């Protein structure tokens, strides 16, 4: 029989679930993204994975399938996860990884994050176009 986590751990997991619930349909985030957004000391991708593994009946309401690894790979129970993501329009490459360039969630708005006590994800650095590199 699985024990319930201590009260403070359940609250911590609830904060993780709140973030996961923000990932929109057709988008994915990484375990590390969720840990970064949480901004709590001691929270890393593994902790987020443990929290999602403890969902139980909540898996019907928390979109756990939208959380994948940093390379776009899916969980050990990948068949069901991939089916759910494909039903949302998430495309996969020939290696079975979600196409991160098309489906990676950039995180909640700064206003939402601030209002709920979360961080935001660092914005990607834009690569200069070849026209910007020309000196003449």
N, C-alpha and C. Protein backbone atom coordinates (compact mmCIF):
# COMPACT_ATOMS: atom_id res chain seq x y z
N UNK A 1 0.84 -1.18 0.00
CA UNK A 1 0.00 0.00 0.00
C UNK A 1 0.88 1.24 0.00
N UNK A 2 0.58 2.20 -0.86
CA UNK A 2 1.35 3.43 -0.95
C UNK A 2 0.89 4.39 0.14
N UNK A 3 1.87 4.94 0.84
CA UNK A 3 1.54 5.93 1.86
C UNK A 3 1.35 7.29 1.21
N UNK A 4 0.50 8.10 1.83
CA UNK A 4 0.36 9.48 1.38
C UNK A 4 1.59 10.26 1.80
N UNK A 5 2.02 11.22 0.98
CA UNK A 5 3.17 12.02 1.39
C UNK A 5 2.81 12.87 2.60
N UNK A 6 3.82 13.31 3.37
CA UNK A 6 3.53 14.20 4.50
C UNK A 6 2.79 15.45 4.01
N UNK A 7 2.11 16.11 4.90
CA UNK A 7 1.28 17.28 4.56
C UNK A 7 2.05 18.30 3.73
N UNK A 8 3.25 18.68 4.15
CA UNK A 8 4.00 19.69 3.41
C UNK A 8 4.39 19.21 2.02
N UNK A 9 4.66 17.91 1.87
CA UNK A 9 4.98 17.36 0.56
C UNK A 9 3.75 17.39 -0.35
N UNK A 10 2.57 17.10 0.21
CA UNK A 10 1.35 17.17 -0.59
C UNK A 10 1.13 18.59 -1.08
N UNK A 11 1.36 19.59 -0.24
CA UNK A 11 1.22 20.98 -0.65
C UNK A 11 2.22 21.31 -1.76
N UNK A 12 3.44 20.81 -1.61
CA UNK A 12 4.48 21.01 -2.61
C UNK A 12 4.06 20.38 -3.93
N UNK A 13 3.55 19.16 -3.88
CA UNK A 13 3.08 18.49 -5.09
C UNK A 13 1.91 19.26 -5.71
N UNK A 14 1.04 19.81 -4.89
CA UNK A 14 -0.08 20.60 -5.42
C UNK A 14 0.42 21.80 -6.21
N UNK A 15 1.50 22.42 -5.75
CA UNK A 15 2.08 23.54 -6.51
C UNK A 15 2.60 23.05 -7.86
N UNK A 16 3.19 21.88 -7.88
CA UNK A 16 3.66 21.31 -9.15
C UNK A 16 2.46 21.05 -10.06
N UNK A 17 1.40 20.47 -9.51
CA UNK A 17 0.21 20.18 -10.31
C UNK A 17 -0.41 21.46 -10.86
N UNK A 18 -0.40 22.52 -10.07
CA UNK A 18 -0.93 23.82 -10.53
C UNK A 18 -0.17 24.28 -11.76
N UNK A 19 1.14 24.13 -11.75
CA UNK A 19 1.94 24.52 -12.91
C UNK A 19 1.65 23.62 -14.12
N UNK A 20 1.58 22.33 -13.89
CA UNK A 20 1.32 21.40 -14.99
C UNK A 20 -0.04 21.71 -15.63
N UNK A 21 -0.99 22.10 -14.83
CA UNK A 21 -2.32 22.44 -15.35
C UNK A 21 -2.29 23.66 -16.27
N UNK A 22 -1.24 24.45 -16.21
CA UNK A 22 -1.14 25.64 -17.06
C UNK A 22 -0.62 25.34 -18.46
N UNK A 23 -0.02 24.16 -18.64
CA UNK A 23 0.52 23.81 -19.96
C UNK A 23 -0.66 23.60 -20.90
N UNK A 24 -0.75 24.42 -21.95
CA UNK A 24 -1.92 24.34 -22.83
C UNK A 24 -1.96 23.09 -23.70
N UNK A 25 -3.16 22.80 -24.15
CA UNK A 25 -3.41 21.71 -25.09
C UNK A 25 -2.49 21.88 -26.29
N UNK A 26 -1.84 20.80 -26.72
CA UNK A 26 -0.97 20.84 -27.89
C UNK A 26 0.44 21.34 -27.62
N UNK A 27 0.75 21.61 -26.36
CA UNK A 27 2.09 22.07 -25.96
C UNK A 27 2.68 21.08 -24.98
N UNK A 28 4.00 21.10 -24.85
CA UNK A 28 4.70 20.27 -23.88
C UNK A 28 5.68 21.13 -23.10
N UNK A 29 6.00 20.69 -21.91
CA UNK A 29 7.03 21.30 -21.08
C UNK A 29 7.91 20.18 -20.57
N UNK A 30 9.09 20.51 -20.12
CA UNK A 30 9.98 19.49 -19.59
C UNK A 30 9.84 19.45 -18.07
N UNK A 31 10.27 18.33 -17.51
CA UNK A 31 10.29 18.21 -16.05
C UNK A 31 11.12 19.35 -15.47
N UNK A 32 12.23 19.66 -16.13
CA UNK A 32 13.09 20.76 -15.68
C UNK A 32 12.42 22.12 -15.78
N UNK A 33 11.60 22.32 -16.81
CA UNK A 33 10.85 23.58 -16.92
C UNK A 33 9.97 23.78 -15.70
N UNK A 34 9.26 22.72 -15.32
CA UNK A 34 8.35 22.82 -14.18
C UNK A 34 9.14 23.11 -12.91
N UNK A 35 10.27 22.46 -12.73
CA UNK A 35 11.12 22.72 -11.56
C UNK A 35 11.61 24.17 -11.55
N UNK A 36 12.01 24.68 -12.71
CA UNK A 36 12.47 26.08 -12.81
C UNK A 36 11.34 27.03 -12.46
N UNK A 37 10.16 26.79 -12.99
CA UNK A 37 9.01 27.65 -12.71
C UNK A 37 8.64 27.64 -11.24
N UNK A 38 8.78 26.48 -10.62
CA UNK A 38 8.47 26.38 -9.19
C UNK A 38 9.43 27.23 -8.39
N UNK A 39 10.71 27.21 -8.78
CA UNK A 39 11.70 28.06 -8.13
C UNK A 39 12.01 27.72 -6.69
N UNK A 40 11.74 26.48 -6.31
CA UNK A 40 11.98 26.05 -4.93
C UNK A 40 13.34 25.37 -4.82
N UNK A 41 14.06 25.67 -3.77
CA UNK A 41 15.33 25.00 -3.54
C UNK A 41 15.07 23.52 -3.34
N UNK A 42 15.90 22.71 -3.96
CA UNK A 42 15.75 21.27 -3.83
C UNK A 42 14.79 20.64 -4.82
N UNK A 43 14.15 21.44 -5.65
CA UNK A 43 13.25 20.88 -6.65
C UNK A 43 14.00 20.78 -7.97
N UNK A 44 14.04 19.58 -8.51
CA UNK A 44 14.66 19.38 -9.82
C UNK A 44 13.72 18.51 -10.65
N UNK A 45 14.17 18.13 -11.82
CA UNK A 45 13.34 17.35 -12.73
C UNK A 45 12.86 16.05 -12.09
N UNK A 46 13.72 15.41 -11.31
CA UNK A 46 13.34 14.14 -10.67
C UNK A 46 12.19 14.32 -9.69
N UNK A 47 12.23 15.41 -8.94
CA UNK A 47 11.17 15.69 -7.97
C UNK A 47 9.84 15.88 -8.70
N UNK A 48 9.87 16.60 -9.82
CA UNK A 48 8.66 16.78 -10.62
C UNK A 48 8.15 15.43 -11.11
N UNK A 49 9.05 14.56 -11.55
CA UNK A 49 8.67 13.22 -11.98
C UNK A 49 8.02 12.43 -10.86
N UNK A 50 8.58 12.53 -9.66
CA UNK A 50 7.99 11.83 -8.51
C UNK A 50 6.60 12.36 -8.22
N UNK A 51 6.44 13.67 -8.29
CA UNK A 51 5.12 14.26 -8.04
C UNK A 51 4.10 13.77 -9.05
N UNK A 52 4.49 13.72 -10.31
CA UNK A 52 3.56 13.24 -11.34
C UNK A 52 3.27 11.75 -11.17
N UNK A 53 4.25 11.01 -10.69
CA UNK A 53 4.04 9.60 -10.42
C UNK A 53 3.09 9.35 -9.26
N UNK A 54 2.91 10.37 -8.42
CA UNK A 54 2.02 10.25 -7.26
C UNK A 54 0.63 10.81 -7.53
N UNK A 55 0.32 11.12 -8.77
CA UNK A 55 -0.98 11.72 -9.10
C UNK A 55 -2.17 10.85 -8.71
N UNK A 56 -2.07 9.58 -8.92
CA UNK A 56 -3.21 8.70 -8.63
C UNK A 56 -4.43 9.12 -9.42
N UNK A 57 -5.57 9.25 -8.75
CA UNK A 57 -6.83 9.61 -9.41
C UNK A 57 -6.77 11.00 -10.04
N UNK A 58 -5.86 11.85 -9.56
CA UNK A 58 -5.73 13.20 -10.13
C UNK A 58 -5.24 13.17 -11.57
N UNK A 59 -4.73 12.02 -12.02
CA UNK A 59 -4.23 11.95 -13.40
C UNK A 59 -5.34 12.20 -14.42
N UNK A 60 -6.58 12.11 -13.99
CA UNK A 60 -7.70 12.40 -14.89
C UNK A 60 -7.88 13.89 -15.11
N UNK A 61 -7.34 14.73 -14.22
CA UNK A 61 -7.53 16.18 -14.34
C UNK A 61 -6.24 16.96 -14.54
N UNK A 62 -5.11 16.39 -14.16
CA UNK A 62 -3.82 17.06 -14.35
C UNK A 62 -3.20 16.50 -15.62
N UNK A 63 -2.89 17.34 -16.61
CA UNK A 63 -2.39 16.84 -17.90
C UNK A 63 -0.93 16.39 -17.85
N UNK A 64 -0.68 15.34 -17.11
CA UNK A 64 0.65 14.79 -16.90
C UNK A 64 1.37 14.46 -18.20
N UNK A 65 0.61 14.08 -19.22
CA UNK A 65 1.21 13.65 -20.49
C UNK A 65 1.98 14.78 -21.16
N UNK A 66 1.70 16.01 -20.81
CA UNK A 66 2.35 17.16 -21.45
C UNK A 66 3.74 17.43 -20.89
N UNK A 67 4.16 16.66 -19.89
CA UNK A 67 5.48 16.85 -19.30
C UNK A 67 6.39 15.73 -19.78
N UNK A 68 7.48 16.13 -20.43
CA UNK A 68 8.38 15.18 -21.08
C UNK A 68 9.82 15.51 -20.68
N UNK A 69 10.76 14.71 -21.14
CA UNK A 69 12.15 15.01 -20.78
C UNK A 69 12.74 16.09 -21.69
N UNK A 70 13.91 16.53 -21.35
CA UNK A 70 14.50 17.70 -22.03
C UNK A 70 14.80 17.49 -23.51
N UNK A 71 14.87 16.24 -23.94
CA UNK A 71 15.13 15.98 -25.36
C UNK A 71 13.84 15.74 -26.14
N UNK A 72 12.70 15.83 -25.45
CA UNK A 72 11.43 15.57 -26.11
C UNK A 72 10.97 14.13 -25.95
N UNK A 73 11.74 13.34 -25.19
CA UNK A 73 11.38 11.95 -24.96
C UNK A 73 10.21 11.84 -23.99
N UNK A 74 9.52 10.71 -24.09
CA UNK A 74 8.36 10.49 -23.24
C UNK A 74 8.67 9.45 -22.18
N UNK A 75 7.76 9.33 -21.21
CA UNK A 75 7.99 8.49 -20.04
C UNK A 75 8.05 7.01 -20.39
N UNK A 76 8.31 6.22 -19.36
CA UNK A 76 8.39 4.76 -19.55
C UNK A 76 7.07 4.19 -20.04
N UNK A 77 5.96 4.79 -19.63
CA UNK A 77 4.64 4.37 -20.11
C UNK A 77 4.33 5.18 -21.37
N UNK A 78 5.29 5.21 -22.25
CA UNK A 78 5.25 6.09 -23.39
C UNK A 78 4.14 5.89 -24.38
N UNK A 79 3.67 4.66 -24.54
CA UNK A 79 2.64 4.42 -25.55
C UNK A 79 1.40 5.25 -25.27
N UNK A 80 0.89 5.21 -24.06
CA UNK A 80 -0.31 5.98 -23.70
C UNK A 80 -0.02 7.47 -23.76
N UNK A 81 1.14 7.88 -23.27
CA UNK A 81 1.49 9.29 -23.28
C UNK A 81 1.57 9.82 -24.71
N UNK A 82 2.20 9.06 -25.58
CA UNK A 82 2.29 9.49 -26.97
C UNK A 82 0.92 9.57 -27.61
N UNK A 83 0.06 8.60 -27.36
CA UNK A 83 -1.31 8.64 -27.90
C UNK A 83 -2.03 9.92 -27.48
N UNK A 84 -1.93 10.25 -26.20
CA UNK A 84 -2.60 11.44 -25.69
C UNK A 84 -2.03 12.71 -26.34
N UNK A 85 -0.71 12.77 -26.48
CA UNK A 85 -0.08 13.95 -27.08
C UNK A 85 -0.43 14.06 -28.57
N UNK A 86 -0.41 12.95 -29.27
CA UNK A 86 -0.77 12.98 -30.69
C UNK A 86 -2.22 13.42 -30.88
N UNK A 87 -3.09 13.02 -29.97
CA UNK A 87 -4.49 13.44 -30.03
C UNK A 87 -4.62 14.95 -29.86
N UNK A 88 -3.61 15.57 -29.24
CA UNK A 88 -3.59 17.02 -29.07
C UNK A 88 -2.85 17.71 -30.21
N UNK A 89 -2.36 16.95 -31.16
CA UNK A 89 -1.67 17.53 -32.30
C UNK A 89 -0.17 17.66 -32.15
N UNK A 90 0.40 17.08 -31.10
CA UNK A 90 1.85 17.14 -30.90
C UNK A 90 2.50 16.17 -31.89
N UNK A 91 3.45 16.68 -32.66
CA UNK A 91 4.15 15.87 -33.66
C UNK A 91 5.44 15.30 -33.07
N UNK A 92 5.83 14.14 -33.58
CA UNK A 92 7.04 13.45 -33.13
C UNK A 92 7.99 13.27 -34.31
N UNK A 93 9.29 13.24 -34.00
CA UNK A 93 10.27 13.01 -35.05
C UNK A 93 10.51 11.51 -35.23
N UNK A 94 11.43 11.18 -36.11
CA UNK A 94 11.70 9.77 -36.43
C UNK A 94 12.27 8.98 -35.25
N UNK A 95 12.81 9.67 -34.24
CA UNK A 95 13.33 9.00 -33.05
C UNK A 95 12.27 8.85 -31.97
N UNK A 96 11.07 9.35 -32.23
CA UNK A 96 10.01 9.25 -31.24
C UNK A 96 9.99 10.37 -30.22
N UNK A 97 10.71 11.46 -30.50
CA UNK A 97 10.73 12.61 -29.61
C UNK A 97 9.75 13.68 -30.09
N UNK A 98 9.10 14.33 -29.15
CA UNK A 98 8.22 15.43 -29.51
C UNK A 98 9.04 16.53 -30.18
N UNK A 99 8.47 17.15 -31.18
CA UNK A 99 9.17 18.22 -31.89
C UNK A 99 9.10 19.49 -31.02
N UNK A 100 10.17 19.69 -30.26
CA UNK A 100 10.21 20.76 -29.27
C UNK A 100 10.11 22.14 -29.92
N UNK A 101 10.71 22.31 -31.10
CA UNK A 101 10.67 23.63 -31.74
C UNK A 101 9.24 24.06 -32.05
N UNK A 102 8.36 23.12 -32.27
CA UNK A 102 6.97 23.44 -32.60
C UNK A 102 6.03 23.41 -31.40
N UNK A 103 6.36 22.62 -30.37
CA UNK A 103 5.39 22.37 -29.30
C UNK A 103 5.84 22.75 -27.90
N UNK A 104 7.05 23.27 -27.75
CA UNK A 104 7.55 23.59 -26.40
C UNK A 104 6.85 24.84 -25.85
N UNK A 105 6.26 24.70 -24.69
CA UNK A 105 5.55 25.78 -24.00
C UNK A 105 6.58 26.75 -23.43
N UNK A 106 6.35 28.03 -23.63
CA UNK A 106 7.29 29.04 -23.14
C UNK A 106 7.02 29.46 -21.70
N UNK A 107 6.06 28.84 -21.07
CA UNK A 107 5.76 29.13 -19.67
C UNK A 107 4.60 30.09 -19.53
N UNK A 108 4.15 30.28 -18.29
CA UNK A 108 3.02 31.17 -18.04
C UNK A 108 3.42 32.62 -18.25
N UNK A 109 2.44 33.47 -18.34
CA UNK A 109 2.74 34.90 -18.44
C UNK A 109 3.41 35.38 -17.16
N UNK A 110 4.17 36.44 -17.26
CA UNK A 110 4.81 37.00 -16.07
C UNK A 110 3.78 37.39 -15.02
N UNK A 111 2.67 37.93 -15.47
CA UNK A 111 1.62 38.36 -14.53
C UNK A 111 1.05 37.17 -13.76
N UNK A 112 0.74 36.08 -14.48
CA UNK A 112 0.19 34.90 -13.82
C UNK A 112 1.21 34.33 -12.84
N UNK A 113 2.45 34.19 -13.31
CA UNK A 113 3.49 33.62 -12.45
C UNK A 113 3.66 34.45 -11.17
N UNK A 114 3.76 35.73 -11.32
CA UNK A 114 3.93 36.62 -10.15
C UNK A 114 2.74 36.51 -9.20
N UNK A 115 1.54 36.51 -9.75
CA UNK A 115 0.32 36.46 -8.93
C UNK A 115 0.20 35.15 -8.15
N UNK A 116 0.80 34.08 -8.66
CA UNK A 116 0.69 32.77 -8.02
C UNK A 116 1.98 32.32 -7.33
N UNK A 117 2.97 33.19 -7.28
CA UNK A 117 4.21 32.88 -6.57
C UNK A 117 5.16 31.95 -7.31
N UNK A 118 5.14 32.00 -8.65
CA UNK A 118 6.03 31.17 -9.44
C UNK A 118 7.03 32.04 -10.21
N UNK A 119 8.01 31.41 -10.78
CA UNK A 119 9.01 32.08 -11.62
C UNK A 119 8.54 32.00 -13.08
N UNK A 120 9.32 32.61 -13.96
CA UNK A 120 9.10 32.44 -15.39
C UNK A 120 10.31 31.73 -15.98
N UNK A 121 10.14 31.19 -17.16
CA UNK A 121 11.25 30.55 -17.83
C UNK A 121 12.12 31.60 -18.50
N UNK A 122 13.42 31.37 -18.54
CA UNK A 122 14.28 32.29 -19.28
C UNK A 122 13.85 32.32 -20.74
N UNK A 123 13.83 33.48 -21.31
CA UNK A 123 13.45 33.60 -22.73
C UNK A 123 14.62 33.14 -23.59
N UNK A 124 14.33 32.39 -24.66
CA UNK A 124 15.41 31.92 -25.52
C UNK A 124 16.11 33.10 -26.20
N UNK A 125 17.39 32.95 -26.37
CA UNK A 125 18.17 33.98 -27.05
C UNK A 125 17.94 33.82 -28.54
N UNK A 126 17.52 34.89 -29.17
CA UNK A 126 17.26 34.82 -30.61
C UNK A 126 18.58 34.84 -31.36
N UNK A 127 18.65 33.97 -32.35
CA UNK A 127 19.85 33.92 -33.19
C UNK A 127 19.74 35.04 -34.22
N UNK A 128 20.83 35.78 -34.42
CA UNK A 128 20.76 36.85 -35.42
C UNK A 128 20.59 36.27 -36.81
N UNK A 129 19.82 36.99 -37.61
CA UNK A 129 19.65 36.53 -38.99
C UNK A 129 20.90 36.88 -39.78
N UNK A 130 21.05 36.25 -40.93
CA UNK A 130 22.25 36.50 -41.75
C UNK A 130 22.28 37.95 -42.21
N UNK A 131 21.12 38.58 -42.34
CA UNK A 131 21.08 39.99 -42.76
C UNK A 131 21.67 40.87 -41.68
N UNK A 132 21.52 40.51 -40.42
CA UNK A 132 22.06 41.31 -39.33
C UNK A 132 23.56 41.17 -39.22
N UNK A 133 24.12 40.10 -39.76
CA UNK A 133 25.56 39.89 -39.65
C UNK A 133 26.33 40.64 -40.73
N UNK A 134 25.65 41.08 -41.74
CA UNK A 134 26.32 41.77 -42.83
C UNK A 134 26.83 43.12 -42.35
N UNK A 135 28.07 43.43 -42.64
CA UNK A 135 28.65 44.73 -42.24
C UNK A 135 28.52 45.76 -43.36
N UNK A 136 28.14 45.34 -44.53
CA UNK A 136 28.05 46.27 -45.66
C UNK A 136 26.72 46.25 -46.30
